[in-house]
PDB file of all heavy atoms in Angstrom:
ATOM      1  N   ARG A   1       0.822  -1.213   0.000  1.00  0.00           N
ATOM      2  CA  ARG A   1       0.000   0.000   0.000  1.00  0.00           C
ATOM      3  C   ARG A   1       0.856   1.263   0.000  1.00  0.00           C
ATOM      4  O   ARG A   1       0.383   2.346   0.338  1.00  0.00           O
ATOM      5  CB  ARG A   1      -0.939   0.023   1.219  1.00  0.00           C
ATOM      6  CG  ARG A   1      -1.882  -1.143   1.324  1.00  0.00           C
ATOM      7  CD  ARG A   1      -2.679  -1.352   0.049  1.00  0.00           C
ATOM      8  NE  ARG A   1      -3.473  -0.179  -0.279  1.00  0.00           N
ATOM      9  CZ  ARG A   1      -3.923   0.094  -1.513  1.00  0.00           C
ATOM     10  NH1 ARG A   1      -3.602  -0.702  -2.516  1.00  0.00           N
ATOM     11  NH2 ARG A   1      -4.641   1.173  -1.730  1.00  0.00           N
ATOM     12  N   GLY A   2       2.110   1.135  -0.390  1.00  0.00           N
ATOM     13  CA  GLY A   2       2.979   2.299  -0.473  1.00  0.00           C
ATOM     14  C   GLY A   2       3.040   2.843  -1.883  1.00  0.00           C
ATOM     15  O   GLY A   2       2.116   2.670  -2.680  1.00  0.00           O
ATOM     16  N   VAL A   3       4.123   3.515  -2.213  1.00  0.00           N
ATOM     17  CA  VAL A   3       4.313   3.962  -3.588  1.00  0.00           C
ATOM     18  C   VAL A   3       4.654   2.746  -4.449  1.00  0.00           C
ATOM     19  O   VAL A   3       5.215   1.761  -3.972  1.00  0.00           O
ATOM     20  CB  VAL A   3       5.408   5.047  -3.697  1.00  0.00           C
ATOM     21  CG1 VAL A   3       4.953   6.329  -3.044  1.00  0.00           C
ATOM     22  CG2 VAL A   3       6.731   4.583  -3.112  1.00  0.00           C
ATOM     23  N   HIS A   4       4.313   2.822  -5.732  1.00  0.00           N
ATOM     24  CA  HIS A   4       4.581   1.692  -6.613  1.00  0.00           C
ATOM     25  C   HIS A   4       6.086   1.501  -6.817  1.00  0.00           C
ATOM     26  O   HIS A   4       6.575   0.369  -6.870  1.00  0.00           O
ATOM     27  CB  HIS A   4       3.918   1.919  -7.973  1.00  0.00           C
ATOM     28  CG  HIS A   4       2.435   2.088  -7.910  1.00  0.00           C
ATOM     29  ND1 HIS A   4       1.834   3.318  -7.733  1.00  0.00           N
ATOM     30  CD2 HIS A   4       1.434   1.181  -7.998  1.00  0.00           C
ATOM     31  CE1 HIS A   4       0.517   3.168  -7.711  1.00  0.00           C
ATOM     32  NE2 HIS A   4       0.249   1.887  -7.871  1.00  0.00           N
ATOM     33  N   LEU A   5       6.811   2.623  -6.928  1.00  0.00           N
ATOM     34  CA  LEU A   5       8.242   2.583  -7.194  1.00  0.00           C
ATOM     35  C   LEU A   5       8.974   3.545  -6.254  1.00  0.00           C
ATOM     36  O   LEU A   5       9.083   4.729  -6.536  1.00  0.00           O
ATOM     37  CB  LEU A   5       8.534   2.967  -8.651  1.00  0.00           C
ATOM     38  CG  LEU A   5       7.907   2.098  -9.747  1.00  0.00           C
ATOM     39  CD1 LEU A   5       8.174   2.707 -11.119  1.00  0.00           C
ATOM     40  CD2 LEU A   5       8.447   0.681  -9.685  1.00  0.00           C
ATOM     41  N   PRO A   6       9.466   3.072  -5.114  1.00  0.00           N
ATOM     42  CA  PRO A   6      10.373   3.919  -4.321  1.00  0.00           C
ATOM     43  C   PRO A   6      11.693   4.020  -5.083  1.00  0.00           C
ATOM     44  O   PRO A   6      12.330   2.992  -5.350  1.00  0.00           O
ATOM     45  CB  PRO A   6      10.548   3.139  -3.013  1.00  0.00           C
ATOM     46  CG  PRO A   6       9.516   2.049  -3.039  1.00  0.00           C
ATOM     47  CD  PRO A   6       9.225   1.765  -4.477  1.00  0.00           C
ATOM     48  N   PHE A   7      12.080   5.227  -5.454  1.00  0.00           N
ATOM     49  CA  PHE A   7      13.250   5.379  -6.314  1.00  0.00           C
ATOM     50  C   PHE A   7      14.478   4.691  -5.714  1.00  0.00           C
ATOM     51  O   PHE A   7      14.802   4.880  -4.542  1.00  0.00           O
ATOM     52  CB  PHE A   7      13.567   6.861  -6.529  1.00  0.00           C
ATOM     53  CG  PHE A   7      13.239   7.356  -7.911  1.00  0.00           C
ATOM     54  CD1 PHE A   7      12.746   8.637  -8.088  1.00  0.00           C
ATOM     55  CD2 PHE A   7      13.437   6.564  -9.030  1.00  0.00           C
ATOM     56  CE1 PHE A   7      12.445   9.116  -9.358  1.00  0.00           C
ATOM     57  CE2 PHE A   7      13.140   7.034 -10.303  1.00  0.00           C
ATOM     58  CZ  PHE A   7      12.639   8.312 -10.464  1.00  0.00           C
ATOM     59  N   ASN A   8      15.136   3.912  -6.547  1.00  0.00           N
ATOM     60  CA  ASN A   8      16.359   3.214  -6.156  1.00  0.00           C
ATOM     61  C   ASN A   8      17.544   3.974  -6.751  1.00  0.00           C
ATOM     62  O   ASN A   8      17.795   3.913  -7.947  1.00  0.00           O
ATOM     63  CB  ASN A   8      16.310   1.780  -6.690  1.00  0.00           C
ATOM     64  CG  ASN A   8      17.658   1.087  -6.648  1.00  0.00           C
ATOM     65  OD1 ASN A   8      18.524   1.444  -5.845  1.00  0.00           O
ATOM     66  ND2 ASN A   8      17.845   0.116  -7.521  1.00  0.00           N
ATOM     67  N   PHE A   9      18.272   4.686  -5.896  1.00  0.00           N
ATOM     68  CA  PHE A   9      19.370   5.541  -6.351  1.00  0.00           C
ATOM     69  C   PHE A   9      20.745   4.898  -6.172  1.00  0.00           C
ATOM     70  O   PHE A   9      21.763   5.581  -6.266  1.00  0.00           O
ATOM     71  CB  PHE A   9      19.351   6.857  -5.583  1.00  0.00           C
ATOM     72  CG  PHE A   9      18.118   7.688  -5.818  1.00  0.00           C
ATOM     73  CD1 PHE A   9      17.305   8.068  -4.753  1.00  0.00           C
ATOM     74  CD2 PHE A   9      17.770   8.112  -7.087  1.00  0.00           C
ATOM     75  CE1 PHE A   9      16.181   8.849  -4.955  1.00  0.00           C
ATOM     76  CE2 PHE A   9      16.651   8.882  -7.305  1.00  0.00           C
ATOM     77  CZ  PHE A   9      15.853   9.253  -6.242  1.00  0.00           C
ATOM     78  N   THR A  10      20.805   3.601  -5.890  1.00  0.00           N
ATOM     79  CA  THR A  10      22.071   2.997  -5.513  1.00  0.00           C
ATOM     80  C   THR A  10      23.136   3.097  -6.605  1.00  0.00           C
ATOM     81  O   THR A  10      24.326   3.179  -6.305  1.00  0.00           O
ATOM     82  CB  THR A  10      21.884   1.524  -5.126  1.00  0.00           C
ATOM     83  OG1 THR A  10      21.182   0.838  -6.172  1.00  0.00           O
ATOM     84  CG2 THR A  10      21.085   1.397  -3.841  1.00  0.00           C
ATOM     85  N   LEU A  11      22.727   3.096  -7.878  1.00  0.00           N
ATOM     86  CA  LEU A  11      23.720   3.174  -8.956  1.00  0.00           C
ATOM     87  C   LEU A  11      24.346   4.561  -9.081  1.00  0.00           C
ATOM     88  O   LEU A  11      25.385   4.709  -9.729  1.00  0.00           O
ATOM     89  CB  LEU A  11      23.079   2.796 -10.297  1.00  0.00           C
ATOM     90  CG  LEU A  11      22.669   1.341 -10.490  1.00  0.00           C
ATOM     91  CD1 LEU A  11      22.079   1.142 -11.889  1.00  0.00           C
ATOM     92  CD2 LEU A  11      23.844   0.392 -10.275  1.00  0.00           C
ATOM     93  N   LEU A  12      23.719   5.574  -8.483  1.00  0.00           N
ATOM     94  CA  LEU A  12      24.236   6.939  -8.621  1.00  0.00           C
ATOM     95  C   LEU A  12      25.599   7.112  -7.964  1.00  0.00           C
ATOM     96  O   LEU A  12      26.391   7.961  -8.388  1.00  0.00           O
ATOM     97  CB  LEU A  12      23.253   7.949  -8.021  1.00  0.00           C
ATOM     98  CG  LEU A  12      21.899   8.086  -8.718  1.00  0.00           C
ATOM     99  CD1 LEU A  12      21.035   9.098  -7.983  1.00  0.00           C
ATOM    100  CD2 LEU A  12      22.059   8.494 -10.175  1.00  0.00           C
ATOM    101  N   ALA A  13      25.845   6.334  -6.933  1.00  0.00           N
ATOM    102  CA  ALA A  13      27.122   6.482  -6.219  1.00  0.00           C
ATOM    103  C   ALA A  13      27.857   5.156  -6.077  1.00  0.00           C
ATOM    104  O   ALA A  13      28.832   5.071  -5.336  1.00  0.00           O
ATOM    105  CB  ALA A  13      26.868   7.081  -4.835  1.00  0.00           C
ATOM    106  N   ALA A  14      27.410   4.130  -6.793  1.00  0.00           N
ATOM    107  CA  ALA A  14      28.016   2.806  -6.638  1.00  0.00           C
ATOM    108  C   ALA A  14      29.433   2.780  -7.193  1.00  0.00           C
ATOM    109  O   ALA A  14      29.685   3.290  -8.285  1.00  0.00           O
ATOM    110  CB  ALA A  14      27.169   1.767  -7.362  1.00  0.00           C
ATOM    111  N   PRO A  15      30.390   2.202  -6.464  1.00  0.00           N
ATOM    112  CA  PRO A  15      31.725   1.991  -7.030  1.00  0.00           C
ATOM    113  C   PRO A  15      31.593   1.135  -8.291  1.00  0.00           C
ATOM    114  O   PRO A  15      30.888   0.116  -8.283  1.00  0.00           O
ATOM    115  CB  PRO A  15      32.466   1.238  -5.924  1.00  0.00           C
ATOM    116  CG  PRO A  15      31.705   1.551  -4.674  1.00  0.00           C
ATOM    117  CD  PRO A  15      30.283   1.707  -5.088  1.00  0.00           C
ATOM    118  N   TRP A  16      32.263   1.541  -9.359  1.00  0.00           N
ATOM    119  CA  TRP A  16      32.062   0.881 -10.648  1.00  0.00           C
ATOM    120  C   TRP A  16      33.044  -0.280 -10.814  1.00  0.00           C
ATOM    121  O   TRP A  16      33.968  -0.246 -11.599  1.00  0.00           O
ATOM    122  CB  TRP A  16      32.195   1.892 -11.779  1.00  0.00           C
ATOM    123  CG  TRP A  16      31.491   1.437 -13.028  1.00  0.00           C
ATOM    124  CD1 TRP A  16      32.066   1.021 -14.196  1.00  0.00           C
ATOM    125  CD2 TRP A  16      30.084   1.332 -13.226  1.00  0.00           C
ATOM    126  NE1 TRP A  16      31.092   0.661 -15.094  1.00  0.00           N
ATOM    127  CE2 TRP A  16      29.862   0.841 -14.529  1.00  0.00           C
ATOM    128  CE3 TRP A  16      28.974   1.593 -12.423  1.00  0.00           C
ATOM    129  CZ2 TRP A  16      28.590   0.624 -15.059  1.00  0.00           C
ATOM    130  CZ3 TRP A  16      27.706   1.367 -12.935  1.00  0.00           C
ATOM    131  CH2 TRP A  16      27.528   0.893 -14.241  1.00  0.00           C
ATOM    132  N   ASN A  17      32.796  -1.328 -10.029  1.00  0.00           N
ATOM    133  CA  ASN A  17      33.589  -2.546 -10.174  1.00  0.00           C
ATOM    134  C   ASN A  17      32.709  -3.727  -9.816  1.00  0.00           C
ATOM    135  O   ASN A  17      31.734  -3.605  -9.062  1.00  0.00           O
ATOM    136  CB  ASN A  17      34.852  -2.507  -9.308  1.00  0.00           C
ATOM    137  CG  ASN A  17      34.539  -2.365  -7.833  1.00  0.00           C
ATOM    138  OD1 ASN A  17      34.062  -3.314  -7.209  1.00  0.00           O
ATOM    139  ND2 ASN A  17      34.790  -1.190  -7.269  1.00  0.00           N
ATOM    140  N   ALA A  18      33.062  -4.895 -10.367  1.00  0.00           N
ATOM    141  CA  ALA A  18      32.220  -6.078 -10.220  1.00  0.00           C
ATOM    142  C   ALA A  18      32.078  -6.496  -8.759  1.00  0.00           C
ATOM    143  O   ALA A  18      31.012  -6.941  -8.330  1.00  0.00           O
ATOM    144  CB  ALA A  18      32.782  -7.229 -11.047  1.00  0.00           C
ATOM    145  N   ALA A  19      33.147  -6.335  -7.978  1.00  0.00           N
ATOM    146  CA  ALA A  19      33.137  -6.809  -6.597  1.00  0.00           C
ATOM    147  C   ALA A  19      32.086  -6.098  -5.753  1.00  0.00           C
ATOM    148  O   ALA A  19      31.574  -6.662  -4.783  1.00  0.00           O
ATOM    149  CB  ALA A  19      34.515  -6.620  -5.970  1.00  0.00           C
ATOM    150  N   GLU A  20      31.757  -4.855  -6.116  1.00  0.00           N
ATOM    151  CA  GLU A  20      30.766  -4.121  -5.327  1.00  0.00           C
ATOM    152  C   GLU A  20      29.439  -3.984  -6.058  1.00  0.00           C
ATOM    153  O   GLU A  20      28.380  -3.965  -5.418  1.00  0.00           O
ATOM    154  CB  GLU A  20      31.324  -2.742  -4.963  1.00  0.00           C
ATOM    155  CG  GLU A  20      32.601  -2.840  -4.147  1.00  0.00           C
ATOM    156  CD  GLU A  20      32.863  -1.616  -3.306  1.00  0.00           C
ATOM    157  OE1 GLU A  20      31.921  -1.137  -2.645  1.00  0.00           O
ATOM    158  OE2 GLU A  20      33.998  -1.149  -3.313  1.00  0.00           O
ATOM    159  N   LEU A  21      29.481  -3.900  -7.377  1.00  0.00           N
ATOM    160  CA  LEU A  21      28.252  -3.687  -8.130  1.00  0.00           C
ATOM    161  C   LEU A  21      27.355  -4.916  -8.105  1.00  0.00           C
ATOM    162  O   LEU A  21      26.139  -4.810  -7.878  1.00  0.00           O
ATOM    163  CB  LEU A  21      28.591  -3.313  -9.571  1.00  0.00           C
ATOM    164  CG  LEU A  21      27.490  -2.656 -10.392  1.00  0.00           C
ATOM    165  CD1 LEU A  21      27.012  -1.368  -9.747  1.00  0.00           C
ATOM    166  CD2 LEU A  21      27.990  -2.376 -11.813  1.00  0.00           C
ATOM    167  N   ALA A  22      27.927  -6.091  -8.305  1.00  0.00           N
ATOM    168  CA  ALA A  22      27.127  -7.318  -8.344  1.00  0.00           C
ATOM    169  C   ALA A  22      26.428  -7.587  -7.005  1.00  0.00           C
ATOM    170  O   ALA A  22      25.218  -7.870  -6.981  1.00  0.00           O
ATOM    171  CB  ALA A  22      27.993  -8.506  -8.757  1.00  0.00           C
ATOM    172  N   PRO A  23      27.117  -7.491  -5.865  1.00  0.00           N
ATOM    173  CA  PRO A  23      26.413  -7.681  -4.588  1.00  0.00           C
ATOM    174  C   PRO A  23      25.332  -6.627  -4.337  1.00  0.00           C
ATOM    175  O   PRO A  23      24.307  -6.920  -3.720  1.00  0.00           O
ATOM    176  CB  PRO A  23      27.530  -7.580  -3.541  1.00  0.00           C
ATOM    177  CG  PRO A  23      28.782  -7.878  -4.279  1.00  0.00           C
ATOM    178  CD  PRO A  23      28.569  -7.369  -5.661  1.00  0.00           C
ATOM    179  N   LEU A  24      25.574  -5.406  -4.824  1.00  0.00           N
ATOM    180  CA  LEU A  24      24.572  -4.354  -4.659  1.00  0.00           C
ATOM    181  C   LEU A  24      23.278  -4.726  -5.382  1.00  0.00           C
ATOM    182  O   LEU A  24      22.175  -4.572  -4.829  1.00  0.00           O
ATOM    183  CB  LEU A  24      25.131  -3.036  -5.198  1.00  0.00           C
ATOM    184  CG  LEU A  24      24.292  -1.774  -5.126  1.00  0.00           C
ATOM    185  CD1 LEU A  24      25.186  -0.551  -5.079  1.00  0.00           C
ATOM    186  CD2 LEU A  24      23.352  -1.653  -6.322  1.00  0.00           C
ATOM    187  N   ILE A  25      23.407  -5.214  -6.617  1.00  0.00           N
ATOM    188  CA  ILE A  25      22.227  -5.612  -7.389  1.00  0.00           C
ATOM    189  C   ILE A  25      21.490  -6.742  -6.673  1.00  0.00           C
ATOM    190  O   ILE A  25      20.272  -6.724  -6.522  1.00  0.00           O
ATOM    191  CB  ILE A  25      22.632  -6.033  -8.817  1.00  0.00           C
ATOM    192  CG1 ILE A  25      23.218  -4.848  -9.582  1.00  0.00           C
ATOM    193  CG2 ILE A  25      21.425  -6.609  -9.576  1.00  0.00           C
ATOM    194  CD1 ILE A  25      23.929  -5.234 -10.879  1.00  0.00           C
ATOM    195  N   ALA A  26      22.244  -7.726  -6.209  1.00  0.00           N
ATOM    196  CA  ALA A  26      21.641  -8.866  -5.520  1.00  0.00           C
ATOM    197  C   ALA A  26      20.970  -8.434  -4.221  1.00  0.00           C
ATOM    198  O   ALA A  26      19.877  -8.916  -3.874  1.00  0.00           O
ATOM    199  CB  ALA A  26      22.697  -9.934  -5.246  1.00  0.00           C
ATOM    200  N   ALA A  27      21.608  -7.516  -3.486  1.00  0.00           N
ATOM    201  CA  ALA A  27      21.034  -7.047  -2.222  1.00  0.00           C
ATOM    202  C   ALA A  27      19.734  -6.289  -2.451  1.00  0.00           C
ATOM    203  O   ALA A  27      18.774  -6.423  -1.679  1.00  0.00           O
ATOM    204  CB  ALA A  27      22.048  -6.150  -1.500  1.00  0.00           C
ATOM    205  N   TYR A  28      19.698  -5.493  -3.508  1.00  0.00           N
ATOM    206  CA  TYR A  28      18.469  -4.766  -3.827  1.00  0.00           C
ATOM    207  C   TYR A  28      17.349  -5.732  -4.200  1.00  0.00           C
ATOM    208  O   TYR A  28      16.216  -5.620  -3.718  1.00  0.00           O
ATOM    209  CB  TYR A  28      18.731  -3.779  -4.954  1.00  0.00           C
ATOM    210  CG  TYR A  28      17.503  -3.051  -5.454  1.00  0.00           C
ATOM    211  CD1 TYR A  28      16.760  -2.234  -4.611  1.00  0.00           C
ATOM    212  CD2 TYR A  28      17.091  -3.185  -6.777  1.00  0.00           C
ATOM    213  CE1 TYR A  28      15.638  -1.570  -5.076  1.00  0.00           C
ATOM    214  CE2 TYR A  28      15.973  -2.520  -7.250  1.00  0.00           C
ATOM    215  CZ  TYR A  28      15.244  -1.712  -6.393  1.00  0.00           C
ATOM    216  OH  TYR A  28      14.126  -1.056  -6.855  1.00  0.00           O
ATOM    217  N   GLU A  29      17.668  -6.709  -5.052  1.00  0.00           N
ATOM    218  CA  GLU A  29      16.674  -7.715  -5.424  1.00  0.00           C
ATOM    219  C   GLU A  29      16.134  -8.418  -4.175  1.00  0.00           C
ATOM    220  O   GLU A  29      14.934  -8.666  -4.054  1.00  0.00           O
ATOM    221  CB  GLU A  29      17.284  -8.734  -6.382  1.00  0.00           C
ATOM    222  CG  GLU A  29      17.390  -8.265  -7.821  1.00  0.00           C
ATOM    223  CD  GLU A  29      16.087  -8.459  -8.577  1.00  0.00           C
ATOM    224  OE1 GLU A  29      15.173  -9.129  -8.049  1.00  0.00           O
ATOM    225  OE2 GLU A  29      15.969  -7.939  -9.709  1.00  0.00           O
ATOM    226  N   ALA A  30      17.020  -8.741  -3.245  1.00  0.00           N
ATOM    227  CA  ALA A  30      16.607  -9.453  -2.034  1.00  0.00           C
ATOM    228  C   ALA A  30      15.777  -8.582  -1.101  1.00  0.00           C
ATOM    229  O   ALA A  30      14.949  -9.088  -0.341  1.00  0.00           O
ATOM    230  CB  ALA A  30      17.844  -9.974  -1.300  1.00  0.00           C
ATOM    231  N   ALA A  31      15.996  -7.269  -1.159  1.00  0.00           N
ATOM    232  CA  ALA A  31      15.310  -6.361  -0.241  1.00  0.00           C
ATOM    233  C   ALA A  31      13.869  -6.066  -0.659  1.00  0.00           C
ATOM    234  O   ALA A  31      13.047  -5.668   0.172  1.00  0.00           O
ATOM    235  CB  ALA A  31      16.089  -5.051  -0.139  1.00  0.00           C
ATOM    236  N   ILE A  32      13.564  -6.236  -1.925  1.00  0.00           N
ATOM    237  CA  ILE A  32      12.233  -5.880  -2.422  1.00  0.00           C
ATOM    238  C   ILE A  32      11.197  -6.844  -1.859  1.00  0.00           C
ATOM    239  O   ILE A  32      11.345  -8.064  -1.978  1.00  0.00           O
ATOM    240  CB  ILE A  32      12.207  -5.901  -3.965  1.00  0.00           C
ATOM    241  CG1 ILE A  32      13.147  -4.835  -4.512  1.00  0.00           C
ATOM    242  CG2 ILE A  32      10.797  -5.663  -4.499  1.00  0.00           C
ATOM    243  CD1 ILE A  32      13.410  -4.957  -5.993  1.00  0.00           C
TER     244      ILE A  32
END
């Protein structure tokens, strides 16, 4: 019953490397 899309801004400041980007994507998927 909240907003349909709470903006996900994690990519705006994410370190651009596989070691941090891949876990970030997985963590976001798991949090939804």
